[in-house]
Amino acid sequence: MLIIFKSPADGDVIMFEKNAKEMLRILGKDPTEPKGIFTVEQLPAAIDAVKAAIAADKVRQAERSLDEDDPDQDVKPEGAVSFFQRAVPLLEMLERALKDREPVTWGA
C-alpha cells in the first residue's frame, strides 16, 4: 500500500506504507491513522524532527562504515535506499509548505 503526502505548495511525495509510517512516528503523528494533516503551525516542529532524524541516521551510517569488517553488522543490500534518501523529499515538501504557509496532508 502507498501513502501520499500532499500540499498545494509542492508535488506529491509517495511512500510505501512501511516507510511512511516510520516518518509519521518521527513526526509525532499516529501512524495507524489512515489520513491526517500537518497544519502550518505544526510545520516548524515537523521540520526539526525530520532534520534530527536525518542527522541521527547519518551518524549511524558513519558508524556502520567504520565497522565494515564486523561480521555481526546488519548489511544493507547493494542499492538499498537509506532513511536519508527517503526523508529528503518529505523534508523539502514541509519546508516549501511552511514558506508558502500551506498545510501538508497524508492518506492512502
PDB file of N, CA and C in Angstrom:
ATOM      1  N   MET A   1       0.847  -1.184   0.000  1.00  0.00           N
ATOM      2  CA  MET A   1       0.000   0.000   0.000  1.00  0.00           C
ATOM      3  C   MET A   1       0.886   1.238   0.000  1.00  0.00           C
ATOM      4  N   LEU A   2       0.409   2.297  -0.615  1.00  0.00           N
ATOM      5  CA  LEU A   2       1.140   3.552  -0.695  1.00  0.00           C
ATOM      6  C   LEU A   2       0.454   4.621   0.151  1.00  0.00           C
ATOM      7  N   ILE A   3       1.278   5.498   0.702  1.00  0.00           N
ATOM      8  CA  ILE A   3       0.784   6.674   1.425  1.00  0.00           C
ATOM      9  C   ILE A   3       1.271   7.887   0.638  1.00  0.00           C
ATOM     10  N   ILE A   4       0.376   8.839   0.426  1.00  0.00           N
ATOM     11  CA  ILE A   4       0.712  10.019  -0.358  1.00  0.00           C
ATOM     12  C   ILE A   4       0.639  11.254   0.533  1.00  0.00           C
ATOM     13  N   PHE A   5       1.739  12.003   0.565  1.00  0.00           N
ATOM     14  CA  PHE A   5       1.795  13.287   1.249  1.00  0.00           C
ATOM     15  C   PHE A   5       1.513  14.358   0.196  1.00  0.00           C
ATOM     16  N   LYS A   6       0.603  15.282   0.528  1.00  0.00           N
ATOM     17  CA  LYS A   6       0.179  16.309  -0.436  1.00  0.00           C
ATOM     18  C   LYS A   6       0.223  17.690   0.200  1.00  0.00           C
ATOM     19  N   SER A   7       0.534  18.671  -0.643  1.00  0.00           N
ATOM     20  CA  SER A   7       0.469  20.065  -0.227  1.00  0.00           C
ATOM     21  C   SER A   7       0.302  20.922  -1.481  1.00  0.00           C
ATOM     22  N   PRO A   8      -0.492  21.992  -1.376  1.00  0.00           N
ATOM     23  CA  PRO A   8      -0.598  22.912  -2.511  1.00  0.00           C
ATOM     24  C   PRO A   8       0.749  23.566  -2.850  1.00  0.00           C
ATOM     25  N   ALA A   9       1.698  23.513  -1.927  1.00  0.00           N
ATOM     26  CA  ALA A   9       2.994  24.162  -2.116  1.00  0.00           C
ATOM     27  C   ALA A   9       3.983  23.324  -2.915  1.00  0.00           C
ATOM     28  N   ASP A  10       3.667  22.041  -3.168  1.00  0.00           N
ATOM     29  CA  ASP A  10       4.663  21.153  -3.772  1.00  0.00           C
ATOM     30  C   ASP A  10       3.972  19.974  -4.442  1.00  0.00           C
ATOM     31  N   GLY A  11       4.727  19.228  -5.219  1.00  0.00           N
ATOM     32  CA  GLY A  11       4.211  17.995  -5.800  1.00  0.00           C
ATOM     33  C   GLY A  11       4.054  16.927  -4.734  1.00  0.00           C
ATOM     34  N   ASP A  12       3.320  15.879  -5.047  1.00  0.00           N
ATOM     35  CA  ASP A  12       3.073  14.801  -4.094  1.00  0.00           C
ATOM     36  C   ASP A  12       4.356  14.035  -3.771  1.00  0.00           C
ATOM     37  N   VAL A  13       4.436  13.548  -2.538  1.00  0.00           N
ATOM     38  CA  VAL A  13       5.504  12.637  -2.120  1.00  0.00           C
ATOM     39  C   VAL A  13       4.822  11.309  -1.812  1.00  0.00           C
ATOM     40  N   ILE A  14       5.215  10.272  -2.540  1.00  0.00           N
ATOM     41  CA  ILE A  14       4.588   8.950  -2.404  1.00  0.00           C
ATOM     42  C   ILE A  14       5.586   8.004  -1.746  1.00  0.00           C
ATOM     43  N   MET A  15       5.122   7.297  -0.716  1.00  0.00           N
ATOM     44  CA  MET A  15       5.972   6.345   0.010  1.00  0.00           C
ATOM     45  C   MET A  15       5.227   5.039   0.210  1.00  0.00           C
ATOM     46  N   PHE A  16       6.005   3.971   0.315  1.00  0.00           N
ATOM     47  CA  PHE A  16       5.412   2.714   0.746  1.00  0.00           C
ATOM     48  C   PHE A  16       4.920   2.898   2.172  1.00  0.00           C
ATOM     49  N   GLU A  17       3.873   2.184   2.524  1.00  0.00           N
ATOM     50  CA  GLU A  17       3.237   2.335   3.831  1.00  0.00           C
ATOM     51  C   GLU A  17       4.233   2.185   4.978  1.00  0.00           C
ATOM     52  N   LYS A  18       5.097   1.183   4.912  1.00  0.00           N
ATOM     53  CA  LYS A  18       6.068   0.944   5.990  1.00  0.00           C
ATOM     54  C   LYS A  18       6.943   2.177   6.210  1.00  0.00           C
ATOM     55  N   ASN A  19       7.461   2.757   5.131  1.00  0.00           N
ATOM     56  CA  ASN A  19       8.328   3.924   5.243  1.00  0.00           C
ATOM     57  C   ASN A  19       7.560   5.162   5.691  1.00  0.00           C
ATOM     58  N   ALA A  20       6.351   5.329   5.186  1.00  0.00           N
ATOM     59  CA  ALA A  20       5.529   6.480   5.580  1.00  0.00           C
ATOM     60  C   ALA A  20       5.186   6.414   7.062  1.00  0.00           C
ATOM     61  N   LYS A  21       4.880   5.223   7.551  1.00  0.00           N
ATOM     62  CA  LYS A  21       4.558   5.094   8.977  1.00  0.00           C
ATOM     63  C   LYS A  21       5.760   5.419   9.849  1.00  0.00           C
ATOM     64  N   GLU A  22       6.953   5.044   9.400  1.00  0.00           N
ATOM     65  CA  GLU A  22       8.168   5.408  10.134  1.00  0.00           C
ATOM     66  C   GLU A  22       8.304   6.932  10.179  1.00  0.00           C
ATOM     67  N   MET A  23       8.061   7.584   9.056  1.00  0.00           N
ATOM     68  CA  MET A  23       8.125   9.053   9.011  1.00  0.00           C
ATOM     69  C   MET A  23       7.083   9.671   9.942  1.00  0.00           C
ATOM     70  N   LEU A  24       5.872   9.145   9.913  1.00  0.00           N
ATOM     71  CA  LEU A  24       4.820   9.696  10.764  1.00  0.00           C
ATOM     72  C   LEU A  24       5.164   9.553  12.243  1.00  0.00           C
ATOM     73  N   ARG A  25       5.752   8.412  12.626  1.00  0.00           N
ATOM     74  CA  ARG A  25       6.189   8.240  14.028  1.00  0.00           C
ATOM     75  C   ARG A  25       7.215   9.311  14.395  1.00  0.00           C
ATOM     76  N   ILE A  26       8.185   9.522  13.521  1.00  0.00           N
ATOM     77  CA  ILE A  26       9.219  10.532  13.760  1.00  0.00           C
ATOM     78  C   ILE A  26       8.598  11.918  13.879  1.00  0.00           C
ATOM     79  N   LEU A  27       7.574  12.160  13.091  1.00  0.00           N
ATOM     80  CA  LEU A  27       6.913  13.463  13.082  1.00  0.00           C
ATOM     81  C   LEU A  27       5.880  13.625  14.193  1.00  0.00           C
ATOM     82  N   GLY A  28       5.742  12.615  15.041  1.00  0.00           N
ATOM     83  CA  GLY A  28       4.839  12.719  16.181  1.00  0.00           C
ATOM     84  C   GLY A  28       3.380  12.506  15.848  1.00  0.00           C
ATOM     85  N   LYS A  29       3.103  11.884  14.707  1.00  0.00           N
ATOM     86  CA  LYS A  29       1.725  11.588  14.317  1.00  0.00           C
ATOM     87  C   LYS A  29       1.442  10.105  14.536  1.00  0.00           C
ATOM     88  N   ASP A  30       0.181   9.778  14.695  1.00  0.00           N
ATOM     89  CA  ASP A  30      -0.235   8.395  14.890  1.00  0.00           C
ATOM     90  C   ASP A  30      -0.179   7.673  13.548  1.00  0.00           C
ATOM     91  N   PRO A  31       0.745   6.719  13.373  1.00  0.00           N
ATOM     92  CA  PRO A  31       0.869   6.045  12.083  1.00  0.00           C
ATOM     93  C   PRO A  31      -0.292   5.110  11.758  1.00  0.00           C
ATOM     94  N   THR A  32      -1.158   4.851  12.718  1.00  0.00           N
ATOM     95  CA  THR A  32      -2.309   3.991  12.437  1.00  0.00           C
ATOM     96  C   THR A  32      -3.471   4.773  11.835  1.00  0.00           C
ATOM     97  N   GLU A  33      -3.397   6.104  11.890  1.00  0.00           N
ATOM     98  CA  GLU A  33      -4.443   6.933  11.286  1.00  0.00           C
ATOM     99  C   GLU A  33      -4.331   6.845   9.764  1.00  0.00           C
ATOM    100  N   PRO A  34      -5.429   6.593   9.078  1.00  0.00           N
ATOM    101  CA  PRO A  34      -5.352   6.445   7.620  1.00  0.00           C
ATOM    102  C   PRO A  34      -5.084   7.749   6.874  1.00  0.00           C
ATOM    103  N   LYS A  35      -5.379   8.874   7.525  1.00  0.00           N
ATOM    104  CA  LYS A  35      -5.088  10.165   6.919  1.00  0.00           C
ATOM    105  C   LYS A  35      -4.941  11.209   8.010  1.00  0.00           C
ATOM    106  N   GLY A  36      -4.328  12.327   7.647  1.00  0.00           N
ATOM    107  CA  GLY A  36      -4.125  13.370   8.643  1.00  0.00           C
ATOM    108  C   GLY A  36      -3.552  14.623   8.011  1.00  0.00           C
ATOM    109  N   ILE A  37      -3.185  15.553   8.882  1.00  0.00           N
ATOM    110  CA  ILE A  37      -2.720  16.862   8.419  1.00  0.00           C
ATOM    111  C   ILE A  37      -1.627  17.393   9.334  1.00  0.00           C
ATOM    112  N   PHE A  38      -0.697  18.115   8.706  1.00  0.00           N
ATOM    113  CA  PHE A  38       0.244  18.953   9.430  1.00  0.00           C
ATOM    114  C   PHE A  38      -0.201  20.371   9.149  1.00  0.00           C
ATOM    115  N   THR A  39      -0.661  21.048  10.168  1.00  0.00           N
ATOM    116  CA  THR A  39      -1.073  22.440   9.992  1.00  0.00           C
ATOM    117  C   THR A  39       0.170  23.303   9.818  1.00  0.00           C
ATOM    118  N   VAL A  40      -0.025  24.504   9.353  1.00  0.00           N
ATOM    119  CA  VAL A  40       1.093  25.426   9.178  1.00  0.00           C
ATOM    120  C   VAL A  40       1.817  25.629  10.505  1.00  0.00           C
ATOM    121  N   GLU A  41       1.049  25.678  11.587  1.00  0.00           N
ATOM    122  CA  GLU A  41       1.650  25.871  12.914  1.00  0.00           C
ATOM    123  C   GLU A  41       2.496  24.669  13.345  1.00  0.00           C
ATOM    124  N   GLN A  42       2.187  23.474  12.860  1.00  0.00           N
ATOM    125  CA  GLN A  42       2.923  22.265  13.216  1.00  0.00           C
ATOM    126  C   GLN A  42       4.165  22.042  12.353  1.00  0.00           C
ATOM    127  N   LEU A  43       4.263  22.744  11.252  1.00  0.00           N
ATOM    128  CA  LEU A  43       5.359  22.507  10.307  1.00  0.00           C
ATOM    129  C   LEU A  43       6.756  22.758  10.884  1.00  0.00           C
ATOM    130  N   PRO A  44       7.008  23.833  11.640  1.00  0.00           N
ATOM    131  CA  PRO A  44       8.377  24.026  12.167  1.00  0.00           C
ATOM    132  C   PRO A  44       8.841  22.845  13.030  1.00  0.00           C
ATOM    133  N   ALA A  45       7.991  22.328  13.885  1.00  0.00           N
ATOM    134  CA  ALA A  45       8.371  21.181  14.722  1.00  0.00           C
ATOM    135  C   ALA A  45       8.583  19.933  13.870  1.00  0.00           C
ATOM    136  N   ALA A  46       7.749  19.753  12.844  1.00  0.00           N
ATOM    137  CA  ALA A  46       7.897  18.601  11.950  1.00  0.00           C
ATOM    138  C   ALA A  46       9.227  18.675  11.197  1.00  0.00           C
ATOM    139  N   ILE A  47       9.573  19.854  10.722  1.00  0.00           N
ATOM    140  CA  ILE A  47      10.843  20.045  10.011  1.00  0.00           C
ATOM    141  C   ILE A  47      12.010  19.737  10.933  1.00  0.00           C
ATOM    142  N   ASP A  48      11.960  20.246  12.153  1.00  0.00           N
ATOM    143  CA  ASP A  48      13.033  19.973  13.121  1.00  0.00           C
ATOM    144  C   ASP A  48      13.152  18.479  13.407  1.00  0.00           C
ATOM    145  N   ALA A  49      12.025  17.784  13.523  1.00  0.00           N
ATOM    146  CA  ALA A  49      12.044  16.345  13.806  1.00  0.00           C
ATOM    147  C   ALA A  49      12.678  15.564  12.660  1.00  0.00           C
ATOM    148  N   VAL A  50      12.345  15.911  11.432  1.00  0.00           N
ATOM    149  CA  VAL A  50      12.931  15.215  10.276  1.00  0.00           C
ATOM    150  C   VAL A  50      14.424  15.498  10.195  1.00  0.00           C
ATOM    151  N   LYS A  51      14.809  16.740  10.410  1.00  0.00           N
ATOM    152  CA  LYS A  51      16.233  17.088  10.369  1.00  0.00           C
ATOM    153  C   LYS A  51      17.015  16.323  11.435  1.00  0.00           C
ATOM    154  N   ALA A  52      16.456  16.209  12.629  1.00  0.00           N
ATOM    155  CA  ALA A  52      17.123  15.469  13.703  1.00  0.00           C
ATOM    156  C   ALA A  52      17.246  13.985  13.350  1.00  0.00           C
ATOM    157  N   ALA A  53      16.206  13.421  12.766  1.00  0.00           N
ATOM    158  CA  ALA A  53      16.234  12.014  12.378  1.00  0.00           C
ATOM    159  C   ALA A  53      17.242  11.773  11.255  1.00  0.00           C
ATOM    160  N   ILE A  54      17.331  12.711  10.322  1.00  0.00           N
ATOM    161  CA  ILE A  54      18.323  12.600   9.246  1.00  0.00           C
ATOM    162  C   ILE A  54      19.731  12.651   9.823  1.00  0.00           C
ATOM    163  N   ALA A  55      19.972  13.584  10.743  1.00  0.00           N
ATOM    164  CA  ALA A  55      21.289  13.701  11.364  1.00  0.00           C
ATOM    165  C   ALA A  55      21.651  12.421  12.109  1.00  0.00           C
ATOM    166  N   ALA A  56      20.692  11.859  12.844  1.00  0.00           N
ATOM    167  CA  ALA A  56      20.942  10.615  13.574  1.00  0.00           C
ATOM    168  C   ALA A  56      21.229   9.466  12.612  1.00  0.00           C
ATOM    169  N   ASP A  57      20.516   9.424  11.496  1.00  0.00           N
ATOM    170  CA  ASP A  57      20.756   8.379  10.500  1.00  0.00           C
ATOM    171  C   ASP A  57      22.142   8.513   9.892  1.00  0.00           C
ATOM    172  N   LYS A  58      22.581   9.733   9.628  1.00  0.00           N
ATOM    173  CA  LYS A  58      23.921   9.945   9.077  1.00  0.00           C
ATOM    174  C   LYS A  58      24.994   9.474  10.053  1.00  0.00           C
ATOM    175  N   VAL A  59      24.787   9.709  11.343  1.00  0.00           N
ATOM    176  CA  VAL A  59      25.729   9.240  12.356  1.00  0.00           C
ATOM    177  C   VAL A  59      25.769   7.711  12.343  1.00  0.00           C
ATOM    178  N   ARG A  60      24.583   7.067  12.295  1.00  0.00           N
ATOM    179  CA  ARG A  60      24.536   5.597  12.244  1.00  0.00           C
ATOM    180  C   ARG A  60      25.255   5.068  11.007  1.00  0.00           C
ATOM    181  N   GLN A  61      25.056   5.720   9.873  1.00  0.00           N
ATOM    182  CA  GLN A  61      25.709   5.286   8.640  1.00  0.00           C
ATOM    183  C   GLN A  61      27.223   5.414   8.759  1.00  0.00           C
ATOM    184  N   ALA A  62      27.688   6.512   9.342  1.00  0.00           N
ATOM    185  CA  ALA A  62      29.125   6.711   9.524  1.00  0.00           C
ATOM    186  C   ALA A  62      29.713   5.656  10.458  1.00  0.00           C
ATOM    187  N   GLU A  63      28.981   5.349  11.526  1.00  0.00           N
ATOM    188  CA  GLU A  63      29.459   4.319  12.454  1.00  0.00           C
ATOM    189  C   GLU A  63      29.499   2.958  11.776  1.00  0.00           C
ATOM    190  N   ARG A  64      28.504   2.670  10.938  1.00  0.00           N
ATOM    191  CA  ARG A  64      28.489   1.399  10.209  1.00  0.00           C
ATOM    192  C   ARG A  64      29.677   1.279   9.274  1.00  0.00           C
ATOM    193  N   SER A  65      30.008   2.380   8.617  1.00  0.00           N
ATOM    194  CA  SER A  65      31.124   2.320   7.672  1.00  0.00           C
ATOM    195  C   SER A  65      32.436   2.085   8.401  1.00  0.00           C
ATOM    196  N   LEU A  66      32.529   2.521   9.659  1.00  0.00           N
ATOM    197  CA  LEU A  66      33.726   2.251  10.451  1.00  0.00           C
ATOM    198  C   LEU A  66      33.799   0.786  10.863  1.00  0.00           C
ATOM    199  N   ASP A  67      32.627   0.148  10.985  1.00  0.00           N
ATOM    200  CA  ASP A  67      32.565  -1.244  11.430  1.00  0.00           C
ATOM    201  C   ASP A  67      32.362  -2.214  10.265  1.00  0.00           C
ATOM    202  N   GLU A  68      32.825  -1.851   9.067  1.00  0.00           N
ATOM    203  CA  GLU A  68      32.574  -2.682   7.896  1.00  0.00           C
ATOM    204  C   GLU A  68      33.060  -4.116   8.060  1.00  0.00           C
ATOM    205  N   ASP A  69      34.112  -4.305   8.834  1.00  0.00           N
ATOM    206  CA  ASP A  69      34.667  -5.647   8.991  1.00  0.00           C
ATOM    207  C   ASP A  69      33.955  -6.464  10.058  1.00  0.00           C
ATOM    208  N   ASP A  70      32.968  -5.881  10.742  1.00  0.00           N
ATOM    209  CA  ASP A  70      32.235  -6.582  11.796  1.00  0.00           C
ATOM    210  C   ASP A  70      31.252  -7.563  11.150  1.00  0.00           C
ATOM    211  N   PRO A  71      31.431  -8.876  11.335  1.00  0.00           N
ATOM    212  CA  PRO A  71      30.548  -9.851  10.699  1.00  0.00           C
ATOM    213  C   PRO A  71      29.128  -9.850  11.262  1.00  0.00           C
ATOM    214  N   ASP A  72      28.920  -9.292  12.452  1.00  0.00           N
ATOM    215  CA  ASP A  72      27.591  -9.255  13.061  1.00  0.00           C
ATOM    216  C   ASP A  72      26.781  -8.038  12.616  1.00  0.00           C
ATOM    217  N   GLN A  73      27.408  -7.160  11.875  1.00  0.00           N
ATOM    218  CA  GLN A  73      26.736  -5.934  11.432  1.00  0.00           C
ATOM    219  C   GLN A  73      25.656  -6.265  10.410  1.00  0.00           C
ATOM    220  N   ASP A  74      24.517  -5.577  10.543  1.00  0.00           N
ATOM    221  CA  ASP A  74      23.466  -5.711   9.536  1.00  0.00           C
ATOM    222  C   ASP A  74      23.914  -4.979   8.281  1.00  0.00           C
ATOM    223  N   VAL A  75      24.043  -5.696   7.212  1.00  0.00           N
ATOM    224  CA  VAL A  75      24.498  -5.099   5.959  1.00  0.00           C
ATOM    225  C   VAL A  75      23.300  -4.903   5.048  1.00  0.00           C
ATOM    226  N   LYS A  76      23.159  -3.691   4.538  1.00  0.00           N
ATOM    227  CA  LYS A  76      22.079  -3.425   3.600  1.00  0.00           C
ATOM    228  C   LYS A  76      22.490  -3.951   2.235  1.00  0.00           C
ATOM    229  N   PRO A  77      21.537  -4.493   1.495  1.00  0.00           N
ATOM    230  CA  PRO A  77      21.855  -4.967   0.155  1.00  0.00           C
ATOM    231  C   PRO A  77      22.300  -3.816  -0.750  1.00  0.00           C
ATOM    232  N   GLU A  78      23.086  -4.163  -1.745  1.00  0.00           N
ATOM    233  CA  GLU A  78      23.541  -3.172  -2.715  1.00  0.00           C
ATOM    234  C   GLU A  78      22.344  -2.416  -3.298  1.00  0.00           C
ATOM    235  N   GLY A  79      22.423  -1.098  -3.310  1.00  0.00           N
ATOM    236  CA  GLY A  79      21.350  -0.295  -3.870  1.00  0.00           C
ATOM    237  C   GLY A  79      20.200  -0.013  -2.920  1.00  0.00           C
ATOM    238  N   ALA A  80      20.323  -0.424  -1.655  1.00  0.00           N
ATOM    239  CA  ALA A  80      19.252  -0.167  -0.685  1.00  0.00           C
ATOM    240  C   ALA A  80      19.105   1.339  -0.466  1.00  0.00           C
ATOM    241  N   VAL A  81      17.880   1.772  -0.238  1.00  0.00           N
ATOM    242  CA  VAL A  81      17.591   3.187  -0.030  1.00  0.00           C
ATOM    243  C   VAL A  81      17.692   3.494   1.460  1.00  0.00           C
ATOM    244  N   SER A  82      18.466   4.503   1.797  1.00  0.00           N
ATOM    245  CA  SER A  82      18.657   4.867   3.201  1.00  0.00           C
ATOM    246  C   SER A  82      17.501   5.734   3.693  1.00  0.00           C
ATOM    247  N   PHE A  83      17.424   5.875   5.004  1.00  0.00           N
ATOM    248  CA  PHE A  83      16.413   6.752   5.592  1.00  0.00           C
ATOM    249  C   PHE A  83      16.567   8.166   5.049  1.00  0.00           C
ATOM    250  N   PHE A  84      17.806   8.627   4.982  1.00  0.00           N
ATOM    251  CA  PHE A  84      18.082   9.975   4.487  1.00  0.00           C
ATOM    252  C   PHE A  84      17.476  10.184   3.103  1.00  0.00           C
ATOM    253  N   GLN A  85      17.666   9.223   2.214  1.00  0.00           N
ATOM    254  CA  GLN A  85      17.148   9.348   0.854  1.00  0.00           C
ATOM    255  C   GLN A  85      15.624   9.396   0.827  1.00  0.00           C
ATOM    256  N   ARG A  86      14.985   8.678   1.733  1.00  0.00           N
ATOM    257  CA  ARG A  86      13.519   8.698   1.793  1.00  0.00           C
ATOM    258  C   ARG A  86      12.993   9.985   2.419  1.00  0.00           C
ATOM    259  N   ALA A  87      13.751  10.508   3.378  1.00  0.00           N
ATOM    260  CA  ALA A  87      13.271  11.652   4.160  1.00  0.00           C
ATOM    261  C   ALA A  87      13.411  12.992   3.431  1.00  0.00           C
ATOM    262  N   VAL A  88      14.410  13.131   2.591  1.00  0.00           N
ATOM    263  CA  VAL A  88      14.682  14.427   1.966  1.00  0.00           C
ATOM    264  C   VAL A  88      13.492  14.967   1.158  1.00  0.00           C
ATOM    265  N   PRO A  89      12.836  14.172   0.309  1.00  0.00           N
ATOM    266  CA  PRO A  89      11.689  14.738  -0.420  1.00  0.00           C
ATOM    267  C   PRO A  89      10.578  15.243   0.507  1.00  0.00           C
ATOM    268  N   LEU A  90      10.331  14.519   1.588  1.00  0.00           N
ATOM    269  CA  LEU A  90       9.307  14.968   2.537  1.00  0.00           C
ATOM    270  C   LEU A  90       9.771  16.220   3.261  1.00  0.00           C
ATOM    271  N   LEU A  91      11.024  16.272   3.655  1.00  0.00           N
ATOM    272  CA  LEU A  91      11.561  17.464   4.311  1.00  0.00           C
ATOM    273  C   LEU A  91      11.426  18.678   3.400  1.00  0.00           C
ATOM    274  N   GLU A  92      11.770  18.504   2.130  1.00  0.00           N
ATOM    275  CA  GLU A  92      11.648  19.620   1.187  1.00  0.00           C
ATOM    276  C   GLU A  92      10.193  20.068   1.042  1.00  0.00           C
ATOM    277  N   MET A  93       9.276  19.117   1.031  1.00  0.00           N
ATOM    278  CA  MET A  93       7.857  19.460   0.957  1.00  0.00           C
ATOM    279  C   MET A  93       7.433  20.267   2.184  1.00  0.00           C
ATOM    280  N   LEU A  94       7.832  19.806   3.358  1.00  0.00           N
ATOM    281  CA  LEU A  94       7.472  20.503   4.597  1.00  0.00           C
ATOM    282  C   LEU A  94       8.025  21.924   4.590  1.00  0.00           C
ATOM    283  N   GLU A  95       9.268  22.082   4.127  1.00  0.00           N
ATOM    284  CA  GLU A  95       9.874  23.412   4.088  1.00  0.00           C
ATOM    285  C   GLU A  95       9.156  24.330   3.090  1.00  0.00           C
ATOM    286  N   ARG A  96       8.818  23.802   1.919  1.00  0.00           N
ATOM    287  CA  ARG A  96       8.085  24.619   0.939  1.00  0.00           C
ATOM    288  C   ARG A  96       6.708  24.992   1.463  1.00  0.00           C
ATOM    289  N   ALA A  97       6.059  24.029   2.118  1.00  0.00           N
ATOM    290  CA  ALA A  97       4.727  24.292   2.667  1.00  0.00           C
ATOM    291  C   ALA A  97       4.791  25.389   3.727  1.00  0.00           C
ATOM    292  N   LEU A  98       5.815  25.361   4.571  1.00  0.00           N
ATOM    293  CA  LEU A  98       5.970  26.403   5.581  1.00  0.00           C
ATOM    294  C   LEU A  98       6.208  27.756   4.909  1.00  0.00           C
ATOM    295  N   LYS A  99       7.072  27.768   3.925  1.00  0.00           N
ATOM    296  CA  LYS A  99       7.367  29.022   3.212  1.00  0.00           C
ATOM    297  C   LYS A  99       6.096  29.604   2.588  1.00  0.00           C
ATOM    298  N   ASP A 100       5.277  28.738   1.999  1.00  0.00           N
ATOM    299  CA  ASP A 100       4.041  29.183   1.346  1.00  0.00           C
ATOM    300  C   ASP A 100       2.850  29.248   2.298  1.00  0.00           C
ATOM    301  N   ARG A 101       3.075  28.862   3.549  1.00  0.00           N
ATOM    302  CA  ARG A 101       2.025  28.852   4.575  1.00  0.00           C
ATOM    303  C   ARG A 101       0.846  27.981   4.151  1.00  0.00           C
ATOM    304  N   GLU A 102       1.177  26.758   3.726  1.00  0.00           N
ATOM    305  CA  GLU A 102       0.175  25.771   3.298  1.00  0.00           C
ATOM    306  C   GLU A 102       0.308  24.524   4.159  1.00  0.00           C
ATOM    307  N   PRO A 103      -0.782  23.813   4.444  1.00  0.00           N
ATOM    308  CA  PRO A 103      -0.701  22.578   5.219  1.00  0.00           C
ATOM    309  C   PRO A 103      -0.191  21.423   4.348  1.00  0.00           C
ATOM    310  N   VAL A 104       0.169  20.342   5.025  1.00  0.00           N
ATOM    311  CA  VAL A 104       0.555  19.088   4.363  1.00  0.00           C
ATOM    312  C   VAL A 104      -0.387  18.008   4.885  1.00  0.00           C
ATOM    313  N   THR A 105      -0.979  17.255   3.969  1.00  0.00           N
ATOM    314  CA  THR A 105      -1.879  16.169   4.363  1.00  0.00           C
ATOM    315  C   THR A 105      -1.278  14.839   3.920  1.00  0.00           C
ATOM    316  N   TRP A 106      -1.794  13.753   4.499  1.00  0.00           N
ATOM    317  CA  TRP A 106      -1.389  12.429   4.049  1.00  0.00           C
ATOM    318  C   TRP A 106      -2.591  11.504   4.046  1.00  0.00           C
ATOM    319  N   GLY A 107      -2.487  10.485   3.238  1.00  0.00           N
ATOM    320  CA  GLY A 107      -3.539   9.471   3.160  1.00  0.00           C
ATOM    321  C   GLY A 107      -3.208   8.454   2.098  1.00  0.00           C
ATOM    322  N   ALA A 108      -3.992   7.400   2.087  1.00  0.00           N
ATOM    323  CA  ALA A 108      -3.763   6.324   1.122  1.00  0.00           C
ATOM    324  C   ALA A 108      -4.371   6.664  -0.217  1.00  0.00           C
TER     325      ALA A 108
END
